[in-house]
């Protein structure tokens, strides 16, 4: 991986076990995509992006259920971020060639976005859920 430092750290832990397990899996799969992109393994990157596109929908659905169940006040904004990410992955899946620009987009639009989302949006959501969960 050329640009960012990307991987699981305890700073990313929400304290909600299932969400943390899923975040670790998302990070692992994004690392796989980044590795495949750098080594130009075209079929593997396509397969991994396909898996990732399905996995984020399952993960986001779980988070959204938690938010609905606890009447989380930031639900709409959080949902908007999830929708944006699903669109980004869909766009990346349609890219026909592995280019330096695509690798950069994977690093910024998949990896860095996820870290930023967890650190800002998910940690705030998790704090609320732990405090007001039913």
C-alpha atoms as a PDB file:
ATOM      1  CA  UNK A   1       0.000   0.000   0.000  1.00  0.00           C
ATOM      2  CA  UNK A   2       1.573   3.207  -1.095  1.00  0.00           C
ATOM      3  CA  UNK A   3      -0.315   6.122   0.387  1.00  0.00           C
ATOM      4  CA  UNK A   4      -2.031   5.763   3.744  1.00  0.00           C
ATOM      5  CA  UNK A   5      -1.441   3.650   6.806  1.00  0.00           C
ATOM      6  CA  UNK A   6      -4.481   1.441   6.903  1.00  0.00           C
ATOM      7  CA  UNK A   7      -5.417  -1.275   9.348  1.00  0.00           C
ATOM      8  CA  UNK A   8      -7.299  -2.028  12.532  1.00  0.00           C
ATOM      9  CA  UNK A   9      -6.321  -0.200  15.702  1.00  0.00           C
ATOM     10  CA  UNK A  10      -8.060  -0.118  19.068  1.00  0.00           C
ATOM     11  CA  UNK A  11      -8.790   3.555  18.395  1.00  0.00           C
ATOM     12  CA  UNK A  12     -11.433   2.270  15.940  1.00  0.00           C
ATOM     13  CA  UNK A  13     -13.188   0.049  18.517  1.00  0.00           C
ATOM     14  CA  UNK A  14     -16.803   1.013  19.101  1.00  0.00           C
ATOM     15  CA  UNK A  15     -17.259  -1.321  22.048  1.00  0.00           C
ATOM     16  CA  UNK A  16     -20.128  -3.071  20.252  1.00  0.00           C
ATOM     17  CA  UNK A  17     -18.675  -6.487  19.481  1.00  0.00           C
ATOM     18  CA  UNK A  18     -20.543  -7.342  16.278  1.00  0.00           C
ATOM     19  CA  UNK A  19     -19.868  -3.916  14.779  1.00  0.00           C
ATOM     20  CA  UNK A  20     -16.172  -4.167  15.663  1.00  0.00           C
ATOM     21  CA  UNK A  21     -15.945  -7.650  14.128  1.00  0.00           C
ATOM     22  CA  UNK A  22     -17.552  -6.369  10.947  1.00  0.00           C
ATOM     23  CA  UNK A  23     -15.309  -3.287  10.841  1.00  0.00           C
ATOM     24  CA  UNK A  24     -12.262  -5.559  11.129  1.00  0.00           C
ATOM     25  CA  UNK A  25     -13.562  -7.626   8.203  1.00  0.00           C
ATOM     26  CA  UNK A  26     -14.197  -4.506   6.116  1.00  0.00           C
ATOM     27  CA  UNK A  27     -10.664  -3.291   6.796  1.00  0.00           C
ATOM     28  CA  UNK A  28      -9.217  -6.700   5.933  1.00  0.00           C
ATOM     29  CA  UNK A  29     -11.117  -6.786   2.635  1.00  0.00           C
ATOM     30  CA  UNK A  30     -10.115  -3.240   1.716  1.00  0.00           C
ATOM     31  CA  UNK A  31      -6.485  -4.167   2.384  1.00  0.00           C
ATOM     32  CA  UNK A  32      -7.028  -7.141   0.049  1.00  0.00           C
ATOM     33  CA  UNK A  33      -8.405  -4.800  -2.636  1.00  0.00           C
ATOM     34  CA  UNK A  34      -5.480  -2.415  -2.215  1.00  0.00           C
ATOM     35  CA  UNK A  35      -2.966  -5.284  -2.410  1.00  0.00           C
ATOM     36  CA  UNK A  36      -4.665  -6.669  -5.523  1.00  0.00           C
ATOM     37  CA  UNK A  37      -4.683  -3.244  -7.138  1.00  0.00           C
ATOM     38  CA  UNK A  38      -0.993  -2.711  -6.525  1.00  0.00           C
ATOM     39  CA  UNK A  39      -0.091  -6.164  -7.866  1.00  0.00           C
ATOM     40  CA  UNK A  40      -2.522  -5.721 -10.794  1.00  0.00           C
ATOM     41  CA  UNK A  41      -4.470  -8.917 -10.109  1.00  0.00           C
ATOM     42  CA  UNK A  42      -7.496  -7.934 -12.142  1.00  0.00           C
ATOM     43  CA  UNK A  43      -9.822 -10.856 -11.433  1.00  0.00           C
ATOM     44  CA  UNK A  44      -9.042 -10.882  -7.719  1.00  0.00           C
ATOM     45  CA  UNK A  45      -9.725  -7.180  -7.331  1.00  0.00           C
ATOM     46  CA  UNK A  46     -13.073  -7.586  -9.103  1.00  0.00           C
ATOM     47  CA  UNK A  47     -14.027 -10.518  -6.857  1.00  0.00           C
ATOM     48  CA  UNK A  48     -12.963  -8.680  -3.715  1.00  0.00           C
ATOM     49  CA  UNK A  49     -14.857  -5.521  -4.667  1.00  0.00           C
ATOM     50  CA  UNK A  50     -17.923  -7.662  -5.373  1.00  0.00           C
ATOM     51  CA  UNK A  51     -17.657  -9.295  -1.938  1.00  0.00           C
ATOM     52  CA  UNK A  52     -17.102  -5.910  -0.327  1.00  0.00           C
ATOM     53  CA  UNK A  53     -20.146  -4.406  -2.029  1.00  0.00           C
ATOM     54  CA  UNK A  54     -22.374  -7.108  -0.522  1.00  0.00           C
ATOM     55  CA  UNK A  55     -20.674  -7.046   2.870  1.00  0.00           C
ATOM     56  CA  UNK A  56     -21.082  -3.284   3.385  1.00  0.00           C
ATOM     57  CA  UNK A  57     -24.803  -3.556   2.723  1.00  0.00           C
ATOM     58  CA  UNK A  58     -25.115  -6.206   5.451  1.00  0.00           C
ATOM     59  CA  UNK A  59     -22.930  -4.185   7.806  1.00  0.00           C
ATOM     60  CA  UNK A  60     -24.719  -0.901   7.180  1.00  0.00           C
ATOM     61  CA  UNK A  61     -28.088  -2.622   7.634  1.00  0.00           C
ATOM     62  CA  UNK A  62     -26.981  -3.830  11.066  1.00  0.00           C
ATOM     63  CA  UNK A  63     -25.818  -0.366  12.111  1.00  0.00           C
ATOM     64  CA  UNK A  64     -29.035   1.161  10.799  1.00  0.00           C
ATOM     65  CA  UNK A  65     -31.095  -1.342  12.784  1.00  0.00           C
ATOM     66  CA  UNK A  66     -29.244  -0.339  15.948  1.00  0.00           C
ATOM     67  CA  UNK A  67     -29.901   3.323  15.166  1.00  0.00           C
ATOM     68  CA  UNK A  68     -33.607   2.769  14.506  1.00  0.00           C
ATOM     69  CA  UNK A  69     -34.018   0.611  17.612  1.00  0.00           C
ATOM     70  CA  UNK A  70     -32.507   3.342  19.798  1.00  0.00           C
ATOM     71  CA  UNK A  71     -34.112   6.325  18.024  1.00  0.00           C
ATOM     72  CA  UNK A  72     -30.643   7.643  17.200  1.00  0.00           C
ATOM     73  CA  UNK A  73     -30.994  11.352  16.374  1.00  0.00           C
ATOM     74  CA  UNK A  74     -28.217  11.308  13.745  1.00  0.00           C
ATOM     75  CA  UNK A  75     -29.792   8.523  11.711  1.00  0.00           C
ATOM     76  CA  UNK A  76     -30.428  10.461   8.477  1.00  0.00           C
ATOM     77  CA  UNK A  77     -26.918  11.871   8.212  1.00  0.00           C
ATOM     78  CA  UNK A  78     -25.422   8.490   9.035  1.00  0.00           C
ATOM     79  CA  UNK A  79     -27.626   6.781   6.450  1.00  0.00           C
ATOM     80  CA  UNK A  80     -26.570   9.365   3.854  1.00  0.00           C
ATOM     81  CA  UNK A  81     -22.914   8.497   4.484  1.00  0.00           C
ATOM     82  CA  UNK A  82     -23.681   4.800   4.069  1.00  0.00           C
ATOM     83  CA  UNK A  83     -25.509   5.464   0.794  1.00  0.00           C
ATOM     84  CA  UNK A  84     -22.558   7.451  -0.509  1.00  0.00           C
ATOM     85  CA  UNK A  85     -20.139   4.610   0.293  1.00  0.00           C
ATOM     86  CA  UNK A  86     -22.292   2.014  -1.471  1.00  0.00           C
ATOM     87  CA  UNK A  87     -22.289   4.240  -4.566  1.00  0.00           C
ATOM     88  CA  UNK A  88     -18.493   4.617  -4.396  1.00  0.00           C
ATOM     89  CA  UNK A  89     -17.988   0.846  -4.284  1.00  0.00           C
ATOM     90  CA  UNK A  90     -20.412   0.388  -7.175  1.00  0.00           C
ATOM     91  CA  UNK A  91     -18.490   2.924  -9.242  1.00  0.00           C
ATOM     92  CA  UNK A  92     -15.153   1.268  -8.454  1.00  0.00           C
ATOM     93  CA  UNK A  93     -16.550  -2.131  -9.474  1.00  0.00           C
ATOM     94  CA  UNK A  94     -17.307  -0.735 -12.922  1.00  0.00           C
ATOM     95  CA  UNK A  95     -13.748   0.454 -13.569  1.00  0.00           C
ATOM     96  CA  UNK A  96     -12.375  -1.616 -16.471  1.00  0.00           C
ATOM     97  CA  UNK A  97      -8.634  -1.128 -15.809  1.00  0.00           C
ATOM     98  CA  UNK A  98      -6.267  -1.002 -12.869  1.00  0.00           C
ATOM     99  CA  UNK A  99      -4.539   2.371 -13.086  1.00  0.00           C
ATOM    100  CA  UNK A 100      -2.551   4.485 -10.619  1.00  0.00           C
ATOM    101  CA  UNK A 101      -5.621   6.709 -10.405  1.00  0.00           C
ATOM    102  CA  UNK A 102      -7.794   3.735  -9.465  1.00  0.00           C
ATOM    103  CA  UNK A 103      -5.330   2.706  -6.757  1.00  0.00           C
ATOM    104  CA  UNK A 104      -5.439   6.261  -5.405  1.00  0.00           C
ATOM    105  CA  UNK A 105      -9.253   6.204  -5.439  1.00  0.00           C
ATOM    106  CA  UNK A 106      -9.268   2.884  -3.567  1.00  0.00           C
ATOM    107  CA  UNK A 107      -6.988   4.364  -0.926  1.00  0.00           C
ATOM    108  CA  UNK A 108      -8.968   7.585  -0.522  1.00  0.00           C
ATOM    109  CA  UNK A 109     -12.545   6.654  -1.370  1.00  0.00           C
ATOM    110  CA  UNK A 110     -12.577   3.216   0.266  1.00  0.00           C
ATOM    111  CA  UNK A 111      -9.861   3.111   2.903  1.00  0.00           C
ATOM    112  CA  UNK A 112      -9.531   6.677   4.176  1.00  0.00           C
ATOM    113  CA  UNK A 113     -13.276   7.248   4.004  1.00  0.00           C
ATOM    114  CA  UNK A 114     -13.923   4.162   6.153  1.00  0.00           C
ATOM    115  CA  UNK A 115     -11.403   5.229   8.785  1.00  0.00           C
ATOM    116  CA  UNK A 116     -12.866   8.738   8.891  1.00  0.00           C
ATOM    117  CA  UNK A 117     -16.403   7.353   9.063  1.00  0.00           C
ATOM    118  CA  UNK A 118     -15.625   4.993  11.930  1.00  0.00           C
ATOM    119  CA  UNK A 119     -13.672   7.599  13.896  1.00  0.00           C
ATOM    120  CA  UNK A 120     -16.228  10.363  13.546  1.00  0.00           C
ATOM    121  CA  UNK A 121     -19.648   8.952  12.749  1.00  0.00           C
ATOM    122  CA  UNK A 122     -19.620   5.370  14.060  1.00  0.00           C
ATOM    123  CA  UNK A 123     -17.959   6.124  17.392  1.00  0.00           C
ATOM    124  CA  UNK A 124     -20.548   8.836  18.076  1.00  0.00           C
ATOM    125  CA  UNK A 125     -23.343   6.409  17.123  1.00  0.00           C
ATOM    126  CA  UNK A 126     -21.902   3.647  19.317  1.00  0.00           C
ATOM    127  CA  UNK A 127     -21.660   5.942  22.326  1.00  0.00           C
ATOM    128  CA  UNK A 128     -25.328   6.821  21.918  1.00  0.00           C
ATOM    129  CA  UNK A 129     -26.382   3.189  21.438  1.00  0.00           C
ATOM    130  CA  UNK A 130     -24.480   2.052  24.527  1.00  0.00           C
ATOM    131  CA  UNK A 131     -25.990   4.876  26.553  1.00  0.00           C
ATOM    132  CA  UNK A 132     -29.577   4.720  25.313  1.00  0.00           C
ATOM    133  CA  UNK A 133     -29.900   1.173  23.953  1.00  0.00           C
ATOM    134  CA  UNK A 134     -33.013  -0.692  24.920  1.00  0.00           C
END
